Amino acid sequence: MKLLHIDSSVNGANSVSRQLTEHIVELWSASHPDIEIDYLDLASAAPSHLSAESMSFRLPPTATELSEVQKRENILSEALVAQFLAADVVVVGAPLYNFSIPSQLKAWIDRIAQVGRTFKYTESGPVGLATGKTVIVASSRGGIYSTSEASRAMEHQESYLQIIFGFFGITDVRFVRAEGLNMGVDIRARAIAAAQEEIRNLDTAMRESDALIAA
């Protein structure tokens, strides 16, 4: 089994999403001793945002006249999409920045969103090709966005990730959320504790599911 662990918060040791992804990966490692883990820290090593050079992987196969920059960008894009496709489990740390995800995480998504690799177009519409994976998103938010229709309409973090991973054909997308982190010390502590408990419950549920499959 291969697990891809991705962090995108720029807050380093103060990041709650990083704490949560670390806990998720620790539990997965404990229950799957043979697991192989790849790690991406997009805050320190994000791919560049899409440009004319980095979008060259979308050119038709007949486009042979690529610049040296385009070739280098293609190698990076291929490495990222191959790493993603090879993973059985993807753990993503995704804080809410200005109602959406960090631009570093969006840059990674733009590199793996490749026709013929993670999705394809058909006469009936797009079809995801990255099936059979489990994605666990550790979501952190300074405010509270889950308790009303108005606040849910403001967030384009969890909703976007649900859509994009679903577009890639992934039906098992799970969210562990800690919100209200900037609303006082007590609320922050309760939110982190609740998220940690949710992670433990998720791990237990997935272990039970694995046992049923193996039986």
N, C-alpha and C. Protein backbone atom coordinates (compact mmCIF):
# COMPACT_ATOMS: atom_id res chain seq x y z
N MET A 1 0.84 -1.19 0.00
CA MET A 1 0.00 0.00 0.00
C MET A 1 0.88 1.25 0.00
N LYS A 2 0.46 2.25 -0.79
CA LYS A 2 1.19 3.51 -0.86
C LYS A 2 0.31 4.65 -0.37
N LEU A 3 0.89 5.51 0.44
CA LEU A 3 0.19 6.68 0.97
C LEU A 3 0.94 7.94 0.56
N LEU A 4 0.21 8.89 0.03
CA LEU A 4 0.77 10.18 -0.32
C LEU A 4 0.29 11.20 0.70
N HIS A 5 1.23 11.78 1.44
CA HIS A 5 0.95 12.74 2.51
C HIS A 5 1.30 14.13 1.99
N ILE A 6 0.30 15.02 1.97
CA ILE A 6 0.49 16.36 1.42
C ILE A 6 0.11 17.41 2.46
N ASP A 7 1.01 18.35 2.72
CA ASP A 7 0.71 19.52 3.54
C ASP A 7 0.79 20.76 2.68
N SER A 8 -0.07 21.75 3.01
CA SER A 8 -0.05 22.98 2.21
C SER A 8 -0.09 24.24 3.06
N SER A 9 -0.20 24.09 4.39
CA SER A 9 -0.23 25.27 5.25
C SER A 9 1.12 25.96 5.27
N VAL A 10 1.10 27.29 5.32
CA VAL A 10 2.34 28.06 5.40
C VAL A 10 2.73 28.37 6.85
N ASN A 11 1.99 27.83 7.82
CA ASN A 11 2.19 28.19 9.22
C ASN A 11 3.13 27.28 9.99
N GLY A 12 3.78 26.36 9.30
CA GLY A 12 4.80 25.55 9.95
C GLY A 12 4.29 24.81 11.17
N ALA A 13 5.06 24.88 12.26
CA ALA A 13 4.73 24.15 13.48
C ALA A 13 3.44 24.64 14.12
N ASN A 14 2.98 25.83 13.76
CA ASN A 14 1.73 26.37 14.32
C ASN A 14 0.49 25.90 13.54
N SER A 15 0.70 25.13 12.50
CA SER A 15 -0.41 24.72 11.64
C SER A 15 -1.21 23.59 12.25
N VAL A 16 -2.52 23.77 12.34
CA VAL A 16 -3.39 22.71 12.83
C VAL A 16 -3.58 21.63 11.78
N SER A 17 -3.69 22.02 10.51
CA SER A 17 -3.87 21.01 9.47
C SER A 17 -2.67 20.07 9.41
N ARG A 18 -1.47 20.59 9.67
CA ARG A 18 -0.28 19.74 9.71
C ARG A 18 -0.33 18.78 10.90
N GLN A 19 -0.79 19.25 12.04
CA GLN A 19 -0.94 18.36 13.19
C GLN A 19 -1.90 17.23 12.86
N LEU A 20 -3.00 17.56 12.19
CA LEU A 20 -4.01 16.56 11.88
C LEU A 20 -3.52 15.55 10.85
N THR A 21 -2.85 16.02 9.81
CA THR A 21 -2.34 15.05 8.81
C THR A 21 -1.29 14.14 9.43
N GLU A 22 -0.47 14.69 10.32
CA GLU A 22 0.55 13.87 10.98
C GLU A 22 -0.11 12.75 11.79
N HIS A 23 -1.19 13.10 12.50
CA HIS A 23 -1.90 12.10 13.30
C HIS A 23 -2.53 11.04 12.40
N ILE A 24 -3.14 11.45 11.31
CA ILE A 24 -3.75 10.50 10.37
C ILE A 24 -2.70 9.53 9.84
N VAL A 25 -1.56 10.05 9.42
CA VAL A 25 -0.52 9.21 8.83
C VAL A 25 0.06 8.27 9.89
N GLU A 26 0.22 8.75 11.11
CA GLU A 26 0.73 7.90 12.19
C GLU A 26 -0.19 6.69 12.41
N LEU A 27 -1.50 6.93 12.44
CA LEU A 27 -2.44 5.84 12.65
C LEU A 27 -2.46 4.87 11.47
N TRP A 28 -2.38 5.40 10.27
CA TRP A 28 -2.32 4.52 9.09
C TRP A 28 -1.06 3.67 9.11
N SER A 29 0.04 4.28 9.50
CA SER A 29 1.30 3.54 9.55
C SER A 29 1.25 2.43 10.59
N ALA A 30 0.59 2.72 11.72
CA ALA A 30 0.50 1.72 12.78
C ALA A 30 -0.35 0.53 12.36
N SER A 31 -1.39 0.78 11.58
CA SER A 31 -2.29 -0.31 11.18
C SER A 31 -1.89 -0.96 9.86
N HIS A 32 -0.94 -0.36 9.14
CA HIS A 32 -0.46 -0.92 7.88
C HIS A 32 1.07 -0.89 7.89
N PRO A 33 1.71 -1.85 8.56
CA PRO A 33 3.17 -1.83 8.74
C PRO A 33 3.95 -1.82 7.42
N ASP A 34 3.35 -2.33 6.35
CA ASP A 34 4.06 -2.40 5.08
C ASP A 34 3.84 -1.17 4.20
N ILE A 35 3.26 -0.13 4.76
CA ILE A 35 2.90 1.04 3.96
C ILE A 35 4.13 1.80 3.50
N GLU A 36 4.07 2.32 2.28
CA GLU A 36 5.10 3.20 1.72
C GLU A 36 4.54 4.62 1.71
N ILE A 37 5.30 5.56 2.26
CA ILE A 37 4.81 6.93 2.40
C ILE A 37 5.66 7.88 1.57
N ASP A 38 5.00 8.65 0.72
CA ASP A 38 5.62 9.78 0.04
C ASP A 38 5.10 11.06 0.68
N TYR A 39 5.96 12.08 0.76
CA TYR A 39 5.56 13.32 1.42
C TYR A 39 5.81 14.51 0.50
N LEU A 40 4.81 15.38 0.40
CA LEU A 40 4.94 16.64 -0.32
C LEU A 40 4.62 17.79 0.62
N ASP A 41 5.55 18.71 0.79
CA ASP A 41 5.29 19.93 1.55
C ASP A 41 5.16 21.06 0.53
N LEU A 42 3.93 21.35 0.17
CA LEU A 42 3.70 22.32 -0.89
C LEU A 42 4.00 23.76 -0.47
N ALA A 43 4.09 23.99 0.84
CA ALA A 43 4.46 25.33 1.30
C ALA A 43 5.91 25.65 0.98
N SER A 44 6.75 24.62 0.92
CA SER A 44 8.17 24.85 0.65
C SER A 44 8.59 24.36 -0.73
N ALA A 45 7.78 23.53 -1.36
CA ALA A 45 8.17 22.97 -2.67
C ALA A 45 6.97 22.84 -3.58
N ALA A 46 6.25 23.93 -3.76
CA ALA A 46 5.08 23.90 -4.63
C ALA A 46 5.50 24.03 -6.09
N PRO A 47 4.79 23.34 -7.00
CA PRO A 47 5.04 23.60 -8.42
C PRO A 47 4.62 25.01 -8.76
N SER A 48 5.20 25.56 -9.81
CA SER A 48 4.80 26.91 -10.22
C SER A 48 3.36 26.90 -10.70
N HIS A 49 2.74 28.05 -10.66
CA HIS A 49 1.37 28.16 -11.16
C HIS A 49 1.37 28.00 -12.67
N LEU A 50 0.21 27.64 -13.20
CA LEU A 50 0.13 27.38 -14.63
C LEU A 50 0.55 28.60 -15.44
N SER A 51 1.31 28.32 -16.47
CA SER A 51 1.77 29.36 -17.40
C SER A 51 1.81 28.73 -18.79
N ALA A 52 2.19 29.52 -19.78
CA ALA A 52 2.30 28.97 -21.13
C ALA A 52 3.31 27.83 -21.17
N GLU A 53 4.35 27.90 -20.35
CA GLU A 53 5.37 26.86 -20.34
C GLU A 53 4.89 25.62 -19.57
N SER A 54 4.28 25.84 -18.41
CA SER A 54 3.91 24.68 -17.59
C SER A 54 2.66 23.98 -18.10
N MET A 55 1.90 24.63 -18.99
CA MET A 55 0.72 23.98 -19.56
C MET A 55 1.04 23.15 -20.79
N SER A 56 2.30 22.99 -21.11
CA SER A 56 2.66 22.29 -22.34
C SER A 56 2.29 20.81 -22.30
N PHE A 57 2.03 20.25 -21.10
CA PHE A 57 1.60 18.85 -21.05
C PHE A 57 0.22 18.69 -21.68
N ARG A 58 -0.49 19.79 -21.90
CA ARG A 58 -1.81 19.73 -22.53
C ARG A 58 -1.75 19.86 -24.05
N LEU A 59 -0.56 20.03 -24.57
CA LEU A 59 -0.42 20.11 -26.02
C LEU A 59 -0.64 18.73 -26.64
N PRO A 60 -1.06 18.67 -27.90
CA PRO A 60 -1.25 17.37 -28.54
C PRO A 60 0.07 16.63 -28.69
N PRO A 61 0.01 15.29 -28.79
CA PRO A 61 1.25 14.50 -28.89
C PRO A 61 2.14 14.88 -30.06
N THR A 62 1.56 15.49 -31.09
CA THR A 62 2.34 15.87 -32.28
C THR A 62 3.18 17.11 -32.04
N ALA A 63 2.98 17.79 -30.92
CA ALA A 63 3.75 19.00 -30.64
C ALA A 63 5.14 18.63 -30.14
N THR A 64 6.08 18.59 -31.05
CA THR A 64 7.43 18.13 -30.70
C THR A 64 8.40 19.27 -30.42
N GLU A 65 8.07 20.46 -30.86
CA GLU A 65 8.98 21.58 -30.69
C GLU A 65 8.75 22.25 -29.34
N LEU A 66 9.27 21.63 -28.30
CA LEU A 66 9.13 22.19 -26.96
C LEU A 66 10.41 22.88 -26.54
N SER A 67 10.27 23.96 -25.81
CA SER A 67 11.44 24.67 -25.30
C SER A 67 12.03 23.87 -24.13
N GLU A 68 13.23 24.22 -23.71
CA GLU A 68 13.85 23.55 -22.58
C GLU A 68 13.03 23.76 -21.31
N VAL A 69 12.45 24.96 -21.16
CA VAL A 69 11.61 25.22 -19.99
C VAL A 69 10.38 24.34 -20.02
N GLN A 70 9.74 24.21 -21.18
CA GLN A 70 8.57 23.35 -21.29
C GLN A 70 8.91 21.89 -20.97
N LYS A 71 10.05 21.44 -21.43
CA LYS A 71 10.46 20.07 -21.16
C LYS A 71 10.64 19.84 -19.66
N ARG A 72 11.27 20.81 -18.98
CA ARG A 72 11.48 20.68 -17.54
C ARG A 72 10.14 20.68 -16.80
N GLU A 73 9.23 21.56 -17.24
CA GLU A 73 7.91 21.62 -16.61
C GLU A 73 7.14 20.32 -16.85
N ASN A 74 7.28 19.75 -18.03
CA ASN A 74 6.60 18.48 -18.33
C ASN A 74 7.12 17.35 -17.43
N ILE A 75 8.41 17.34 -17.18
CA ILE A 75 8.99 16.31 -16.30
C ILE A 75 8.40 16.43 -14.90
N LEU A 76 8.27 17.68 -14.41
CA LEU A 76 7.70 17.91 -13.09
C LEU A 76 6.24 17.48 -13.04
N SER A 77 5.47 17.87 -14.04
CA SER A 77 4.05 17.51 -14.07
C SER A 77 3.88 15.99 -14.13
N GLU A 78 4.70 15.33 -14.91
CA GLU A 78 4.61 13.87 -15.02
C GLU A 78 4.97 13.22 -13.68
N ALA A 79 5.97 13.72 -13.00
CA ALA A 79 6.35 13.15 -11.71
C ALA A 79 5.22 13.30 -10.70
N LEU A 80 4.55 14.46 -10.69
CA LEU A 80 3.47 14.70 -9.73
C LEU A 80 2.25 13.83 -10.02
N VAL A 81 1.85 13.73 -11.29
CA VAL A 81 0.66 12.94 -11.60
C VAL A 81 0.94 11.45 -11.41
N ALA A 82 2.15 10.99 -11.74
CA ALA A 82 2.51 9.59 -11.54
C ALA A 82 2.51 9.24 -10.05
N GLN A 83 3.02 10.14 -9.22
CA GLN A 83 3.03 9.93 -7.77
C GLN A 83 1.61 9.84 -7.24
N PHE A 84 0.75 10.72 -7.70
CA PHE A 84 -0.65 10.71 -7.27
C PHE A 84 -1.35 9.42 -7.69
N LEU A 85 -1.17 9.02 -8.93
CA LEU A 85 -1.84 7.82 -9.44
C LEU A 85 -1.34 6.56 -8.74
N ALA A 86 -0.10 6.55 -8.29
CA ALA A 86 0.46 5.37 -7.64
C ALA A 86 -0.04 5.20 -6.21
N ALA A 87 -0.60 6.26 -5.62
CA ALA A 87 -1.02 6.22 -4.22
C ALA A 87 -2.37 5.53 -4.07
N ASP A 88 -2.47 4.71 -3.04
CA ASP A 88 -3.75 4.10 -2.67
C ASP A 88 -4.54 5.02 -1.73
N VAL A 89 -3.81 5.74 -0.89
CA VAL A 89 -4.40 6.67 0.06
C VAL A 89 -3.70 8.01 -0.09
N VAL A 90 -4.49 9.09 -0.10
CA VAL A 90 -3.93 10.44 -0.19
C VAL A 90 -4.45 11.23 1.01
N VAL A 91 -3.54 11.73 1.83
CA VAL A 91 -3.88 12.54 3.00
C VAL A 91 -3.48 13.98 2.70
N VAL A 92 -4.46 14.87 2.73
CA VAL A 92 -4.22 16.26 2.31
C VAL A 92 -4.52 17.21 3.46
N GLY A 93 -3.55 18.01 3.83
CA GLY A 93 -3.77 19.09 4.78
C GLY A 93 -4.20 20.33 4.02
N ALA A 94 -5.42 20.81 4.30
CA ALA A 94 -5.99 21.90 3.50
C ALA A 94 -6.60 22.97 4.40
N PRO A 95 -5.85 23.97 4.79
CA PRO A 95 -6.44 25.07 5.55
C PRO A 95 -7.30 25.95 4.65
N LEU A 96 -8.22 26.66 5.27
CA LEU A 96 -9.06 27.62 4.54
C LEU A 96 -8.34 28.97 4.51
N TYR A 97 -7.99 29.42 3.32
CA TYR A 97 -7.39 30.74 3.14
C TYR A 97 -8.32 31.59 2.29
N ASN A 98 -8.84 32.66 2.88
CA ASN A 98 -9.70 33.57 2.12
C ASN A 98 -10.81 32.84 1.40
N PHE A 99 -11.46 31.94 2.12
CA PHE A 99 -12.63 31.18 1.67
C PHE A 99 -12.31 30.06 0.69
N SER A 100 -11.03 29.78 0.46
CA SER A 100 -10.66 28.74 -0.50
C SER A 100 -9.43 27.99 0.03
N ILE A 101 -8.78 27.25 -0.86
CA ILE A 101 -7.59 26.49 -0.47
C ILE A 101 -6.34 27.32 -0.74
N PRO A 102 -5.20 26.96 -0.15
CA PRO A 102 -3.95 27.66 -0.46
C PRO A 102 -3.63 27.58 -1.95
N SER A 103 -3.05 28.63 -2.49
CA SER A 103 -2.71 28.62 -3.91
C SER A 103 -1.69 27.53 -4.23
N GLN A 104 -0.86 27.17 -3.24
CA GLN A 104 0.12 26.10 -3.46
C GLN A 104 -0.58 24.76 -3.73
N LEU A 105 -1.66 24.50 -3.00
CA LEU A 105 -2.42 23.27 -3.21
C LEU A 105 -3.13 23.31 -4.55
N LYS A 106 -3.64 24.46 -4.92
CA LYS A 106 -4.29 24.61 -6.23
C LYS A 106 -3.29 24.38 -7.35
N ALA A 107 -2.04 24.85 -7.18
CA ALA A 107 -1.01 24.64 -8.20
C ALA A 107 -0.73 23.16 -8.39
N TRP A 108 -0.72 22.39 -7.29
CA TRP A 108 -0.52 20.94 -7.40
C TRP A 108 -1.68 20.29 -8.13
N ILE A 109 -2.90 20.69 -7.78
CA ILE A 109 -4.09 20.13 -8.44
C ILE A 109 -4.05 20.43 -9.94
N ASP A 110 -3.65 21.64 -10.31
CA ASP A 110 -3.59 21.99 -11.72
C ASP A 110 -2.59 21.12 -12.48
N ARG A 111 -1.56 20.64 -11.81
CA ARG A 111 -0.57 19.79 -12.47
C ARG A 111 -1.07 18.36 -12.65
N ILE A 112 -1.91 17.88 -11.72
CA ILE A 112 -2.36 16.49 -11.84
C ILE A 112 -3.68 16.37 -12.60
N ALA A 113 -4.32 17.48 -12.89
CA ALA A 113 -5.57 17.46 -13.66
C ALA A 113 -5.21 17.34 -15.14
N GLN A 114 -4.95 16.12 -15.57
CA GLN A 114 -4.47 15.87 -16.93
C GLN A 114 -5.41 14.93 -17.68
N VAL A 115 -5.85 15.39 -18.83
CA VAL A 115 -6.68 14.55 -19.69
C VAL A 115 -5.91 13.29 -20.06
N GLY A 116 -6.57 12.15 -19.92
CA GLY A 116 -5.94 10.88 -20.24
C GLY A 116 -5.18 10.27 -19.08
N ARG A 117 -4.99 11.02 -18.00
CA ARG A 117 -4.30 10.49 -16.83
C ARG A 117 -5.24 10.42 -15.63
N THR A 118 -5.83 11.56 -15.25
CA THR A 118 -6.75 11.55 -14.11
C THR A 118 -8.21 11.68 -14.54
N PHE A 119 -8.47 12.02 -15.79
CA PHE A 119 -9.84 12.05 -16.30
C PHE A 119 -9.79 12.01 -17.83
N LYS A 120 -10.93 11.75 -18.42
CA LYS A 120 -11.05 11.78 -19.88
C LYS A 120 -12.42 12.32 -20.25
N TYR A 121 -12.54 12.80 -21.47
CA TYR A 121 -13.82 13.26 -21.99
C TYR A 121 -14.43 12.19 -22.87
N THR A 122 -15.72 11.99 -22.72
CA THR A 122 -16.45 11.03 -23.55
C THR A 122 -17.68 11.73 -24.12
N GLU A 123 -18.41 11.02 -24.97
CA GLU A 123 -19.64 11.58 -25.52
C GLU A 123 -20.68 11.84 -24.44
N SER A 124 -20.55 11.11 -23.33
CA SER A 124 -21.50 11.29 -22.23
C SER A 124 -21.01 12.27 -21.17
N GLY A 125 -19.83 12.84 -21.39
CA GLY A 125 -19.27 13.77 -20.42
C GLY A 125 -17.95 13.27 -19.86
N PRO A 126 -17.36 14.00 -18.91
CA PRO A 126 -16.07 13.60 -18.35
C PRO A 126 -16.19 12.37 -17.47
N VAL A 127 -15.12 11.55 -17.47
CA VAL A 127 -15.05 10.35 -16.66
C VAL A 127 -13.73 10.36 -15.90
N GLY A 128 -13.79 10.15 -14.59
CA GLY A 128 -12.58 10.12 -13.78
C GLY A 128 -11.81 8.83 -13.98
N LEU A 129 -10.49 8.93 -13.96
CA LEU A 129 -9.62 7.76 -14.18
C LEU A 129 -8.82 7.37 -12.95
N ALA A 130 -8.88 8.16 -11.89
CA ALA A 130 -8.09 7.88 -10.69
C ALA A 130 -8.96 7.18 -9.65
N THR A 131 -9.59 6.11 -10.06
CA THR A 131 -10.55 5.43 -9.18
C THR A 131 -9.84 4.54 -8.16
N GLY A 132 -10.62 4.11 -7.15
CA GLY A 132 -10.12 3.13 -6.19
C GLY A 132 -9.28 3.70 -5.07
N LYS A 133 -9.17 5.02 -4.98
CA LYS A 133 -8.35 5.63 -3.93
C LYS A 133 -9.22 6.09 -2.76
N THR A 134 -8.59 6.27 -1.62
CA THR A 134 -9.19 6.94 -0.48
C THR A 134 -8.46 8.26 -0.28
N VAL A 135 -9.21 9.34 -0.20
CA VAL A 135 -8.64 10.66 0.09
C VAL A 135 -9.18 11.12 1.44
N ILE A 136 -8.26 11.50 2.33
CA ILE A 136 -8.64 12.05 3.63
C ILE A 136 -8.11 13.47 3.70
N VAL A 137 -9.02 14.42 3.87
CA VAL A 137 -8.65 15.83 3.91
C VAL A 137 -8.73 16.33 5.35
N ALA A 138 -7.64 16.86 5.85
CA ALA A 138 -7.61 17.52 7.15
C ALA A 138 -7.89 19.00 6.92
N SER A 139 -9.10 19.41 7.25
CA SER A 139 -9.58 20.77 6.97
C SER A 139 -9.48 21.62 8.23
N SER A 140 -8.84 22.78 8.11
CA SER A 140 -8.76 23.71 9.25
C SER A 140 -9.28 25.07 8.83
N ARG A 141 -9.99 25.71 9.78
CA ARG A 141 -10.64 26.99 9.48
C ARG A 141 -10.57 27.90 10.69
N GLY A 142 -10.29 29.16 10.44
CA GLY A 142 -10.25 30.12 11.53
C GLY A 142 -11.63 30.43 12.08
N GLY A 143 -12.62 30.47 11.21
CA GLY A 143 -14.00 30.72 11.61
C GLY A 143 -14.82 29.45 11.53
N ILE A 144 -16.13 29.60 11.68
CA ILE A 144 -17.05 28.47 11.61
C ILE A 144 -17.91 28.63 10.36
N TYR A 145 -17.85 27.62 9.49
CA TYR A 145 -18.53 27.71 8.20
C TYR A 145 -19.48 26.54 7.95
N SER A 146 -19.72 25.71 8.95
CA SER A 146 -20.50 24.50 8.72
C SER A 146 -21.88 24.53 9.35
N THR A 147 -22.25 25.64 9.98
CA THR A 147 -23.47 25.62 10.80
C THR A 147 -24.66 26.34 10.18
N SER A 148 -24.49 26.95 9.01
CA SER A 148 -25.62 27.62 8.38
C SER A 148 -25.44 27.62 6.87
N GLU A 149 -26.53 27.79 6.16
CA GLU A 149 -26.47 27.85 4.70
C GLU A 149 -25.63 29.04 4.25
N ALA A 150 -25.76 30.17 4.93
CA ALA A 150 -25.01 31.37 4.55
C ALA A 150 -23.51 31.15 4.69
N SER A 151 -23.08 30.54 5.80
CA SER A 151 -21.66 30.32 5.99
C SER A 151 -21.13 29.23 5.07
N ARG A 152 -21.94 28.20 4.82
CA ARG A 152 -21.50 27.15 3.89
C ARG A 152 -21.33 27.70 2.49
N ALA A 153 -22.14 28.68 2.11
CA ALA A 153 -22.03 29.27 0.78
C ALA A 153 -20.74 30.06 0.62
N MET A 154 -20.12 30.45 1.73
CA MET A 154 -18.91 31.26 1.68
C MET A 154 -17.65 30.43 1.51
N GLU A 155 -17.70 29.13 1.83
CA GLU A 155 -16.47 28.33 1.77
C GLU A 155 -16.35 27.61 0.44
N HIS A 156 -15.15 27.71 -0.15
CA HIS A 156 -14.83 27.04 -1.41
C HIS A 156 -13.56 26.20 -1.21
N GLN A 157 -13.51 25.55 -0.07
CA GLN A 157 -12.38 24.73 0.36
C GLN A 157 -12.78 23.27 0.29
N GLU A 158 -13.58 22.82 1.26
CA GLU A 158 -14.04 21.43 1.25
C GLU A 158 -14.91 21.15 0.02
N SER A 159 -15.78 22.09 -0.33
CA SER A 159 -16.66 21.89 -1.47
C SER A 159 -15.86 21.71 -2.76
N TYR A 160 -14.82 22.53 -2.93
CA TYR A 160 -13.98 22.41 -4.13
C TYR A 160 -13.23 21.08 -4.15
N LEU A 161 -12.64 20.68 -3.02
CA LEU A 161 -11.88 19.44 -2.99
C LEU A 161 -12.78 18.23 -3.23
N GLN A 162 -14.00 18.27 -2.70
CA GLN A 162 -14.95 17.18 -2.96
C GLN A 162 -15.23 17.07 -4.45
N ILE A 163 -15.41 18.21 -5.10
CA ILE A 163 -15.72 18.21 -6.53
C ILE A 163 -14.53 17.76 -7.36
N ILE A 164 -13.35 18.29 -7.09
CA ILE A 164 -12.21 17.98 -7.96
C ILE A 164 -11.77 16.54 -7.81
N PHE A 165 -11.74 16.01 -6.58
CA PHE A 165 -11.38 14.61 -6.43
C PHE A 165 -12.46 13.70 -6.99
N GLY A 166 -13.71 14.12 -6.88
CA GLY A 166 -14.79 13.38 -7.52
C GLY A 166 -14.67 13.40 -9.03
N PHE A 167 -14.24 14.53 -9.57
CA PHE A 167 -14.02 14.65 -11.01
C PHE A 167 -12.94 13.68 -11.47
N PHE A 168 -11.97 13.41 -10.61
CA PHE A 168 -10.92 12.44 -10.93
C PHE A 168 -11.39 10.99 -10.76
N GLY A 169 -12.63 10.80 -10.32
CA GLY A 169 -13.17 9.46 -10.18
C GLY A 169 -13.07 8.87 -8.79
N ILE A 170 -12.70 9.69 -7.80
CA ILE A 170 -12.53 9.21 -6.43
C ILE A 170 -13.84 9.41 -5.67
N THR A 171 -14.43 8.33 -5.23
CA THR A 171 -15.71 8.39 -4.53
C THR A 171 -15.54 8.36 -3.02
N ASP A 172 -14.40 7.91 -2.53
CA ASP A 172 -14.15 7.82 -1.09
C ASP A 172 -13.31 9.01 -0.65
N VAL A 173 -13.97 10.15 -0.44
CA VAL A 173 -13.30 11.38 0.01
C VAL A 173 -13.85 11.71 1.39
N ARG A 174 -12.99 11.74 2.38
CA ARG A 174 -13.40 11.94 3.77
C ARG A 174 -12.77 13.22 4.32
N PHE A 175 -13.52 13.93 5.15
CA PHE A 175 -13.05 15.18 5.72
C PHE A 175 -12.99 15.09 7.24
N VAL A 176 -11.88 15.55 7.79
CA VAL A 176 -11.73 15.74 9.23
C VAL A 176 -11.55 17.24 9.44
N ARG A 177 -12.45 17.84 10.21
CA ARG A 177 -12.51 19.31 10.25
C ARG A 177 -12.24 19.85 11.65
N ALA A 178 -11.42 20.91 11.70
CA ALA A 178 -11.24 21.70 12.91
C ALA A 178 -11.52 23.15 12.53
N GLU A 179 -12.60 23.70 13.05
CA GLU A 179 -12.95 25.07 12.69
C GLU A 179 -13.20 25.92 13.93
N GLY A 180 -13.21 27.24 13.71
CA GLY A 180 -13.31 28.16 14.84
C GLY A 180 -11.98 28.35 15.54
N LEU A 181 -10.90 28.08 14.84
CA LEU A 181 -9.57 28.07 15.48
C LEU A 181 -9.10 29.46 15.90
N ASN A 182 -9.66 30.50 15.31
CA ASN A 182 -9.26 31.87 15.67
C ASN A 182 -10.31 32.57 16.52
N MET A 183 -11.20 31.80 17.14
CA MET A 183 -12.32 32.38 17.88
C MET A 183 -12.14 32.25 19.39
N GLY A 184 -10.90 32.10 19.82
CA GLY A 184 -10.62 32.01 21.26
C GLY A 184 -9.92 30.72 21.62
N VAL A 185 -9.19 30.76 22.71
CA VAL A 185 -8.36 29.63 23.13
C VAL A 185 -9.21 28.39 23.41
N ASP A 186 -10.34 28.56 24.10
CA ASP A 186 -11.16 27.41 24.47
C ASP A 186 -11.79 26.76 23.24
N ILE A 187 -12.31 27.57 22.33
CA ILE A 187 -12.92 27.04 21.11
C ILE A 187 -11.87 26.31 20.28
N ARG A 188 -10.68 26.90 20.20
CA ARG A 188 -9.60 26.27 19.43
C ARG A 188 -9.25 24.90 20.02
N ALA A 189 -9.10 24.84 21.33
CA ALA A 189 -8.73 23.58 21.98
C ALA A 189 -9.80 22.53 21.76
N ARG A 190 -11.08 22.92 21.88
CA ARG A 190 -12.17 21.96 21.68
C ARG A 190 -12.21 21.49 20.23
N ALA A 191 -11.96 22.40 19.29
CA ALA A 191 -12.00 22.04 17.87
C ALA A 191 -10.91 21.04 17.53
N ILE A 192 -9.71 21.25 18.05
CA ILE A 192 -8.60 20.34 17.78
C ILE A 192 -8.86 18.98 18.43
N ALA A 193 -9.35 19.00 19.66
CA ALA A 193 -9.64 17.74 20.35
C ALA A 193 -10.72 16.95 19.61
N ALA A 194 -11.75 17.65 19.12
CA ALA A 194 -12.82 16.97 18.38
C ALA A 194 -12.30 16.38 17.08
N ALA A 195 -11.42 17.11 16.40
CA ALA A 195 -10.85 16.60 15.15
C ALA A 195 -9.98 15.38 15.41
N GLN A 196 -9.19 15.42 16.47
CA GLN A 196 -8.35 14.27 16.81
C GLN A 196 -9.21 13.04 17.12
N GLU A 197 -10.32 13.25 17.83
CA GLU A 197 -11.23 12.15 18.12
C GLU A 197 -11.87 11.62 16.83
N GLU A 198 -12.20 12.52 15.94
CA GLU A 198 -12.77 12.11 14.66
C GLU A 198 -11.78 11.27 13.86
N ILE A 199 -10.50 11.62 13.93
CA ILE A 199 -9.47 10.85 13.25
C ILE A 199 -9.38 9.44 13.83
N ARG A 200 -9.43 9.33 15.16
CA ARG A 200 -9.38 8.02 15.78
C ARG A 200 -10.59 7.17 15.40
N ASN A 201 -11.77 7.81 15.36
CA ASN A 201 -12.97 7.08 14.96
C ASN A 201 -12.89 6.64 13.51
N LEU A 202 -12.34 7.51 12.67
CA LEU A 202 -12.19 7.17 11.25
C LEU A 202 -11.23 6.00 11.09
N ASP A 203 -10.15 6.02 11.86
CA ASP A 203 -9.18 4.93 11.78
C ASP A 203 -9.82 3.61 12.22
N THR A 204 -10.60 3.66 13.29
CA THR A 204 -11.27 2.44 13.76
C THR A 204 -12.24 1.92 12.72
N ALA A 205 -13.01 2.81 12.11
CA ALA A 205 -13.98 2.40 11.10
C ALA A 205 -13.30 1.78 9.89
N MET A 206 -12.17 2.33 9.49
CA MET A 206 -11.48 1.82 8.32
C MET A 206 -10.79 0.50 8.63
N ARG A 207 -10.32 0.33 9.85
CA ARG A 207 -9.76 -0.97 10.25
C ARG A 207 -10.83 -2.05 10.22
N GLU A 208 -12.01 -1.72 10.71
CA GLU A 208 -13.11 -2.68 10.69
C GLU A 208 -13.50 -3.02 9.27
N SER A 209 -13.48 -2.03 8.38
CA SER A 209 -13.80 -2.26 6.98
C SER A 209 -12.75 -3.18 6.34
N ASP A 210 -11.47 -2.93 6.65
CA ASP A 210 -10.41 -3.78 6.12
C ASP A 210 -10.56 -5.22 6.61
N ALA A 211 -10.96 -5.36 7.88
CA ALA A 211 -11.13 -6.72 8.44
C ALA A 211 -12.26 -7.46 7.74
N LEU A 212 -13.34 -6.75 7.42
CA LEU A 212 -14.47 -7.37 6.72
C LEU A 212 -14.06 -7.80 5.33
N ILE A 213 -13.26 -6.97 4.65
CA ILE A 213 -12.82 -7.30 3.30
C ILE A 213 -11.92 -8.53 3.33
N ALA A 214 -11.05 -8.61 4.37
CA ALA A 214 -10.09 -9.71 4.46
C ALA A 214 -10.76 -11.03 4.91
N ALA A 215 -11.93 -10.92 5.55
CA ALA A 215 -12.59 -12.13 6.10
C ALA A 215 -13.14 -13.03 4.99
